[in-house]
Amino acid sequence: MSPLTHSSTAQTEAEETRSSDVSGERPADGQTSGAPSPRRLIALAALLLYVALVSIAARLMELPISRAVELRYCQKYYLAHDPSQIGRDGNIAEDICKVDEVQRGLGWMLGALGTLTTFCDILVTAPMGVVADGLGPRLALLLNLSASVVYLCWTAAVGKFWTVFPINALLAAPFLSLYGGGSCVAKMAGLAMVTEIAQTDQRL
């Protein structure tokens, strides 16, 4: 092979290498796929589904919580006016709970619960962001999930054991979940994990 031919061949190979680098392609023998693994895709889908379900669950919980609060005010009302309307298990027909006094109490309690829940959720979002950055979003998500369970269990307990807890004990629920936050923290931690997985894939 003549020096001229060898020089031309070397120049062609160099141009192909530069073209491959610019387009982001690698030689076939050393190529590494940039596509995320199926396991990571499943994890991403699960996290996005979790974030969506948190938003949906917050809406779905409004009706049973409203009924539990209404029942407590209804029990209080009929204890004073007509105890025979209260069943042995504490249940009262929903249609006779629509009296003004019960509905006024229901409106006040739901407003107070909503305000306190939102306030506590916003209050704890920044600290939980620090936890997610320092100790990982998984811990923040776990704390948030357990706090949501505590919130619901306390609300259910106050509604169920009406002879033990006063109705205003419902207002403690948002404060019991301060260590993990509510829906704002759930979305923040979930999206932080999605970002973490995406960045890990980009580095691979």
C-alpha atoms as a PDB file:
ATOM      1  CA  MET A   1       0.000   0.000   0.000  1.00  0.00           C
ATOM      2  CA  SER A   2       1.401   3.402  -0.977  1.00  0.00           C
ATOM      3  CA  PRO A   3       1.893   6.180   1.609  1.00  0.00           C
ATOM      4  CA  LEU A   4      -0.779   8.246  -0.148  1.00  0.00           C
ATOM      5  CA  THR A   5      -3.367   5.449   0.075  1.00  0.00           C
ATOM      6  CA  HIS A   6      -2.481   4.771   3.731  1.00  0.00           C
ATOM      7  CA  SER A   7      -2.855   8.488   4.557  1.00  0.00           C
ATOM      8  CA  SER A   8      -6.244   8.659   2.798  1.00  0.00           C
ATOM      9  CA  THR A   9      -7.500   5.594   4.675  1.00  0.00           C
ATOM     10  CA  ALA A  10      -6.363   6.984   8.034  1.00  0.00           C
ATOM     11  CA  GLN A  11      -8.036  10.327   7.300  1.00  0.00           C
ATOM     12  CA  THR A  12     -11.313   8.568   6.391  1.00  0.00           C
ATOM     13  CA  GLU A  13     -11.247   6.561   9.637  1.00  0.00           C
ATOM     14  CA  ALA A  14     -10.568   9.721  11.660  1.00  0.00           C
ATOM     15  CA  GLU A  15     -13.502  11.514  10.030  1.00  0.00           C
ATOM     16  CA  GLU A  16     -15.800   8.534  10.770  1.00  0.00           C
ATOM     17  CA  THR A  17     -14.662   8.537  14.399  1.00  0.00           C
ATOM     18  CA  ARG A  18     -15.349  12.275  14.730  1.00  0.00           C
ATOM     19  CA  SER A  19     -18.752  11.837  13.070  1.00  0.00           C
ATOM     20  CA  SER A  20     -19.598   8.994  15.459  1.00  0.00           C
ATOM     21  CA  ASP A  21     -18.602  11.125  18.483  1.00  0.00           C
ATOM     22  CA  VAL A  22     -20.693  14.082  17.330  1.00  0.00           C
ATOM     23  CA  SER A  23     -23.810  11.981  16.756  1.00  0.00           C
ATOM     24  CA  GLY A  24     -23.407  10.250  20.119  1.00  0.00           C
ATOM     25  CA  GLU A  25     -22.860   6.803  18.575  1.00  0.00           C
ATOM     26  CA  ARG A  26     -20.174   4.392  19.684  1.00  0.00           C
ATOM     27  CA  PRO A  27     -18.478   1.577  17.845  1.00  0.00           C
ATOM     28  CA  ALA A  28     -20.509  -1.607  17.805  1.00  0.00           C
ATOM     29  CA  ASP A  29     -17.949  -3.676  19.735  1.00  0.00           C
ATOM     30  CA  GLY A  30     -17.886  -1.257  22.689  1.00  0.00           C
ATOM     31  CA  GLN A  31     -21.421   0.002  22.512  1.00  0.00           C
ATOM     32  CA  THR A  32     -23.433   0.364  25.705  1.00  0.00           C
ATOM     33  CA  SER A  33     -27.173   0.787  25.464  1.00  0.00           C
ATOM     34  CA  GLY A  34     -28.460   4.019  27.004  1.00  0.00           C
ATOM     35  CA  ALA A  35     -32.004   2.674  27.352  1.00  0.00           C
ATOM     36  CA  PRO A  36     -33.200   2.103  30.944  1.00  0.00           C
ATOM     37  CA  SER A  37     -33.532  -1.468  32.115  1.00  0.00           C
ATOM     38  CA  PRO A  38     -37.018  -3.024  32.411  1.00  0.00           C
ATOM     39  CA  ARG A  39     -36.593  -3.059  36.187  1.00  0.00           C
ATOM     40  CA  ARG A  40     -36.020   0.699  36.263  1.00  0.00           C
ATOM     41  CA  LEU A  41     -38.955   1.297  33.925  1.00  0.00           C
ATOM     42  CA  ILE A  42     -41.183  -0.659  36.297  1.00  0.00           C
ATOM     43  CA  ALA A  43     -39.862   1.353  39.255  1.00  0.00           C
ATOM     44  CA  LEU A  44     -40.540   4.630  37.429  1.00  0.00           C
ATOM     45  CA  ALA A  45     -44.050   3.530  36.481  1.00  0.00           C
ATOM     46  CA  ALA A  46     -44.752   2.438  40.063  1.00  0.00           C
ATOM     47  CA  LEU A  47     -43.577   5.754  41.499  1.00  0.00           C
ATOM     48  CA  LEU A  48     -45.584   7.805  39.025  1.00  0.00           C
ATOM     49  CA  LEU A  49     -48.615   5.640  39.802  1.00  0.00           C
ATOM     50  CA  TYR A  50     -48.036   6.221  43.524  1.00  0.00           C
ATOM     51  CA  VAL A  51     -47.942   9.992  43.048  1.00  0.00           C
ATOM     52  CA  ALA A  52     -51.161   9.835  41.019  1.00  0.00           C
ATOM     53  CA  LEU A  53     -52.872   7.611  43.597  1.00  0.00           C
ATOM     54  CA  VAL A  54     -51.929   9.994  46.411  1.00  0.00           C
ATOM     55  CA  SER A  55     -53.794  12.779  44.626  1.00  0.00           C
ATOM     56  CA  ILE A  56     -56.793  10.541  43.942  1.00  0.00           C
ATOM     57  CA  ALA A  57     -56.839   9.119  47.484  1.00  0.00           C
ATOM     58  CA  ALA A  58     -56.919  12.606  48.984  1.00  0.00           C
ATOM     59  CA  ARG A  59     -60.199  13.177  47.143  1.00  0.00           C
ATOM     60  CA  LEU A  60     -61.630   9.738  47.824  1.00  0.00           C
ATOM     61  CA  MET A  61     -61.056  10.109  51.565  1.00  0.00           C
ATOM     62  CA  GLU A  62     -63.155  13.250  51.788  1.00  0.00           C
ATOM     63  CA  LEU A  63     -66.498  11.401  51.717  1.00  0.00           C
ATOM     64  CA  PRO A  64     -65.837   8.802  54.462  1.00  0.00           C
ATOM     65  CA  ILE A  65     -64.169  11.396  56.681  1.00  0.00           C
ATOM     66  CA  SER A  66     -67.140  13.704  56.164  1.00  0.00           C
ATOM     67  CA  ARG A  67     -69.532  10.906  57.123  1.00  0.00           C
ATOM     68  CA  ALA A  68     -67.489  10.021  60.227  1.00  0.00           C
ATOM     69  CA  VAL A  69     -67.527  13.650  61.385  1.00  0.00           C
ATOM     70  CA  GLU A  70     -71.239  13.999  60.642  1.00  0.00           C
ATOM     71  CA  LEU A  71     -71.970  10.843  62.636  1.00  0.00           C
ATOM     72  CA  ARG A  72     -70.129  12.195  65.651  1.00  0.00           C
ATOM     73  CA  TYR A  73     -72.105  15.447  65.624  1.00  0.00           C
ATOM     74  CA  CYS A  74     -75.270  13.462  65.024  1.00  0.00           C
ATOM     75  CA  GLN A  75     -74.548  11.283  68.051  1.00  0.00           C
ATOM     76  CA  LYS A  76     -73.934  14.366  70.152  1.00  0.00           C
ATOM     77  CA  TYR A  77     -77.184  15.936  68.974  1.00  0.00           C
ATOM     78  CA  TYR A  78     -79.406  12.880  69.552  1.00  0.00           C
ATOM     79  CA  LEU A  79     -77.851  12.103  72.914  1.00  0.00           C
ATOM     80  CA  ALA A  80     -79.283  15.434  74.020  1.00  0.00           C
ATOM     81  CA  HIS A  81     -82.596  15.273  72.127  1.00  0.00           C
ATOM     82  CA  ASP A  82     -83.601  11.659  71.393  1.00  0.00           C
ATOM     83  CA  PRO A  83     -81.183   8.885  72.477  1.00  0.00           C
ATOM     84  CA  SER A  84     -83.520   6.222  71.039  1.00  0.00           C
ATOM     85  CA  GLN A  85     -82.327   7.178  67.548  1.00  0.00           C
ATOM     86  CA  ILE A  86     -78.832   5.889  68.368  1.00  0.00           C
ATOM     87  CA  GLY A  87     -78.262   2.221  67.639  1.00  0.00           C
ATOM     88  CA  ARG A  88     -76.401  -0.140  69.929  1.00  0.00           C
ATOM     89  CA  ASP A  89     -73.288   0.208  67.788  1.00  0.00           C
ATOM     90  CA  GLY A  90     -73.591   4.002  67.749  1.00  0.00           C
ATOM     91  CA  ASN A  91     -74.883   4.244  64.177  1.00  0.00           C
ATOM     92  CA  ILE A  92     -77.634   6.676  63.223  1.00  0.00           C
ATOM     93  CA  ALA A  93     -79.565   6.800  59.958  1.00  0.00           C
ATOM     94  CA  GLU A  94     -77.926   9.330  57.687  1.00  0.00           C
ATOM     95  CA  ASP A  95     -81.185  10.978  56.623  1.00  0.00           C
ATOM     96  CA  ILE A  96     -81.982  12.177  60.160  1.00  0.00           C
ATOM     97  CA  CYS A  97     -78.537  13.743  60.536  1.00  0.00           C
ATOM     98  CA  LYS A  98     -79.368  16.624  58.199  1.00  0.00           C
ATOM     99  CA  VAL A  99     -80.597  18.940  60.948  1.00  0.00           C
ATOM    100  CA  ASP A 100     -79.069  22.412  61.020  1.00  0.00           C
ATOM    101  CA  GLU A 101     -77.129  21.984  64.251  1.00  0.00           C
ATOM    102  CA  VAL A 102     -75.386  18.845  62.983  1.00  0.00           C
ATOM    103  CA  GLN A 103     -74.602  20.391  59.604  1.00  0.00           C
ATOM    104  CA  ARG A 104     -73.166  23.536  61.187  1.00  0.00           C
ATOM    105  CA  GLY A 105     -70.853  21.421  63.321  1.00  0.00           C
ATOM    106  CA  LEU A 106     -69.903  19.325  60.298  1.00  0.00           C
ATOM    107  CA  GLY A 107     -69.024  22.399  58.247  1.00  0.00           C
ATOM    108  CA  TRP A 108     -66.922  23.885  61.031  1.00  0.00           C
ATOM    109  CA  MET A 109     -65.008  20.673  61.696  1.00  0.00           C
ATOM    110  CA  LEU A 110     -64.296  19.944  58.037  1.00  0.00           C
ATOM    111  CA  GLY A 111     -63.082  23.500  57.541  1.00  0.00           C
ATOM    112  CA  ALA A 112     -60.840  23.304  60.601  1.00  0.00           C
ATOM    113  CA  LEU A 113     -59.475  19.881  59.593  1.00  0.00           C
ATOM    114  CA  GLY A 114     -58.774  21.026  56.047  1.00  0.00           C
ATOM    115  CA  THR A 115     -57.007  24.186  57.225  1.00  0.00           C
ATOM    116  CA  LEU A 116     -54.876  22.380  59.817  1.00  0.00           C
ATOM    117  CA  THR A 117     -54.001  19.554  57.429  1.00  0.00           C
ATOM    118  CA  THR A 118     -52.862  21.978  54.731  1.00  0.00           C
ATOM    119  CA  PHE A 119     -50.925  24.098  57.251  1.00  0.00           C
ATOM    120  CA  CYS A 120     -49.119  21.088  58.743  1.00  0.00           C
ATOM    121  CA  ASP A 121     -48.382  19.663  55.292  1.00  0.00           C
ATOM    122  CA  ILE A 122     -46.819  22.919  54.086  1.00  0.00           C
ATOM    123  CA  LEU A 123     -44.960  23.347  57.387  1.00  0.00           C
ATOM    124  CA  VAL A 124     -43.247  19.966  57.129  1.00  0.00           C
ATOM    125  CA  THR A 125     -42.523  20.004  53.380  1.00  0.00           C
ATOM    126  CA  ALA A 126     -39.222  21.912  53.674  1.00  0.00           C
ATOM    127  CA  PRO A 127     -37.813  19.753  56.511  1.00  0.00           C
ATOM    128  CA  MET A 128     -38.810  16.605  54.649  1.00  0.00           C
ATOM    129  CA  GLY A 129     -37.032  17.969  51.583  1.00  0.00           C
ATOM    130  CA  VAL A 130     -33.861  18.199  53.699  1.00  0.00           C
ATOM    131  CA  VAL A 131     -34.405  14.609  54.840  1.00  0.00           C
ATOM    132  CA  ALA A 132     -34.881  13.489  51.223  1.00  0.00           C
ATOM    133  CA  ASP A 133     -31.667  15.253  50.140  1.00  0.00           C
ATOM    134  CA  GLY A 134     -29.585  14.044  53.073  1.00  0.00           C
ATOM    135  CA  LEU A 135     -30.908  10.561  53.779  1.00  0.00           C
ATOM    136  CA  GLY A 136     -32.623   9.756  50.499  1.00  0.00           C
ATOM    137  CA  PRO A 137     -36.185  10.140  49.185  1.00  0.00           C
ATOM    138  CA  ARG A 138     -37.011   6.550  50.137  1.00  0.00           C
ATOM    139  CA  LEU A 139     -36.919   7.423  53.840  1.00  0.00           C
ATOM    140  CA  ALA A 140     -39.025  10.541  53.246  1.00  0.00           C
ATOM    141  CA  LEU A 141     -41.567   8.465  51.322  1.00  0.00           C
ATOM    142  CA  LEU A 142     -41.680   5.814  54.059  1.00  0.00           C
ATOM    143  CA  LEU A 143     -42.217   8.436  56.780  1.00  0.00           C
ATOM    144  CA  ASN A 144     -44.933  10.065  54.711  1.00  0.00           C
ATOM    145  CA  LEU A 145     -46.731   6.773  54.142  1.00  0.00           C
ATOM    146  CA  SER A 146     -46.696   5.910  57.847  1.00  0.00           C
ATOM    147  CA  ALA A 147     -47.887   9.430  58.739  1.00  0.00           C
ATOM    148  CA  SER A 148     -50.837   9.063  56.373  1.00  0.00           C
ATOM    149  CA  VAL A 149     -51.737   5.747  58.021  1.00  0.00           C
ATOM    150  CA  VAL A 150     -51.580   7.372  61.479  1.00  0.00           C
ATOM    151  CA  TYR A 151     -53.816  10.221  60.274  1.00  0.00           C
ATOM    152  CA  LEU A 152     -56.470   7.840  58.961  1.00  0.00           C
ATOM    153  CA  CYS A 153     -56.278   5.471  61.937  1.00  0.00           C
ATOM    154  CA  TRP A 154     -56.731   8.330  64.396  1.00  0.00           C
ATOM    155  CA  THR A 155     -59.702   9.703  62.452  1.00  0.00           C
ATOM    156  CA  ALA A 156     -61.277   6.247  62.326  1.00  0.00           C
ATOM    157  CA  ALA A 157     -60.639   5.664  66.045  1.00  0.00           C
ATOM    158  CA  VAL A 158     -62.267   8.949  67.067  1.00  0.00           C
ATOM    159  CA  GLY A 159     -65.223   8.177  64.826  1.00  0.00           C
ATOM    160  CA  LYS A 160     -65.602   4.598  66.069  1.00  0.00           C
ATOM    161  CA  PHE A 161     -65.067   4.996  69.805  1.00  0.00           C
ATOM    162  CA  TRP A 162     -67.516   7.822  70.290  1.00  0.00           C
ATOM    163  CA  THR A 163     -67.910   7.122  74.002  1.00  0.00           C
ATOM    164  CA  VAL A 164     -64.156   7.429  74.603  1.00  0.00           C
ATOM    165  CA  PHE A 165     -62.922  10.342  72.493  1.00  0.00           C
ATOM    166  CA  PRO A 166     -64.490  13.801  72.358  1.00  0.00           C
ATOM    167  CA  ILE A 167     -65.298  15.002  68.860  1.00  0.00           C
ATOM    168  CA  ASN A 168     -62.668  17.748  69.003  1.00  0.00           C
ATOM    169  CA  ALA A 169     -60.019  15.008  69.254  1.00  0.00           C
ATOM    170  CA  LEU A 170     -60.277  14.857  65.447  1.00  0.00           C
ATOM    171  CA  LEU A 171     -58.259  18.077  65.335  1.00  0.00           C
ATOM    172  CA  ALA A 172     -55.215  16.203  66.617  1.00  0.00           C
ATOM    173  CA  ALA A 173     -54.957  14.130  63.411  1.00  0.00           C
ATOM    174  CA  PRO A 174     -52.977  16.689  61.352  1.00  0.00           C
ATOM    175  CA  PHE A 175     -50.486  17.185  64.193  1.00  0.00           C
ATOM    176  CA  LEU A 176     -49.973  13.430  64.627  1.00  0.00           C
ATOM    177  CA  SER A 177     -48.809  13.270  61.004  1.00  0.00           C
ATOM    178  CA  LEU A 178     -46.329  16.144  61.316  1.00  0.00           C
ATOM    179  CA  TYR A 179     -43.334  13.784  61.261  1.00  0.00           C
ATOM    180  CA  GLY A 180     -44.123  12.651  57.717  1.00  0.00           C
ATOM    181  CA  GLY A 181     -46.414  15.218  56.126  1.00  0.00           C
ATOM    182  CA  GLY A 182     -49.298  14.720  53.747  1.00  0.00           C
ATOM    183  CA  SER A 183     -49.945  14.809  50.026  1.00  0.00           C
ATOM    184  CA  CYS A 184     -47.453  17.616  49.306  1.00  0.00           C
ATOM    185  CA  VAL A 185     -44.610  15.612  50.837  1.00  0.00           C
ATOM    186  CA  ALA A 186     -45.756  12.431  49.071  1.00  0.00           C
ATOM    187  CA  LYS A 187     -45.593  14.129  45.678  1.00  0.00           C
ATOM    188  CA  MET A 188     -42.237  15.747  46.489  1.00  0.00           C
ATOM    189  CA  ALA A 189     -40.622  12.498  47.658  1.00  0.00           C
ATOM    190  CA  GLY A 190     -42.112  10.463  44.813  1.00  0.00           C
ATOM    191  CA  LEU A 191     -40.920  12.865  42.131  1.00  0.00           C
ATOM    192  CA  ALA A 192     -37.501  13.073  43.812  1.00  0.00           C
ATOM    193  CA  MET A 193     -37.179   9.305  43.468  1.00  0.00           C
ATOM    194  CA  VAL A 194     -38.248   9.493  39.821  1.00  0.00           C
ATOM    195  CA  THR A 195     -35.544  12.119  39.213  1.00  0.00           C
ATOM    196  CA  GLU A 196     -32.962  10.016  41.028  1.00  0.00           C
ATOM    197  CA  ILE A 197     -33.699   6.960  38.896  1.00  0.00           C
ATOM    198  CA  ALA A 198     -33.650   9.028  35.685  1.00  0.00           C
ATOM    199  CA  GLN A 199     -30.295  10.595  36.590  1.00  0.00           C
ATOM    200  CA  THR A 200     -28.849   7.186  37.419  1.00  0.00           C
ATOM    201  CA  ASP A 201     -29.846   5.932  33.950  1.00  0.00           C
ATOM    202  CA  GLN A 202     -28.232   8.944  32.307  1.00  0.00           C
ATOM    203  CA  ARG A 203     -24.941   8.268  34.084  1.00  0.00           C
ATOM    204  CA  LEU A 204     -24.868   4.630  32.970  1.00  0.00           C
END
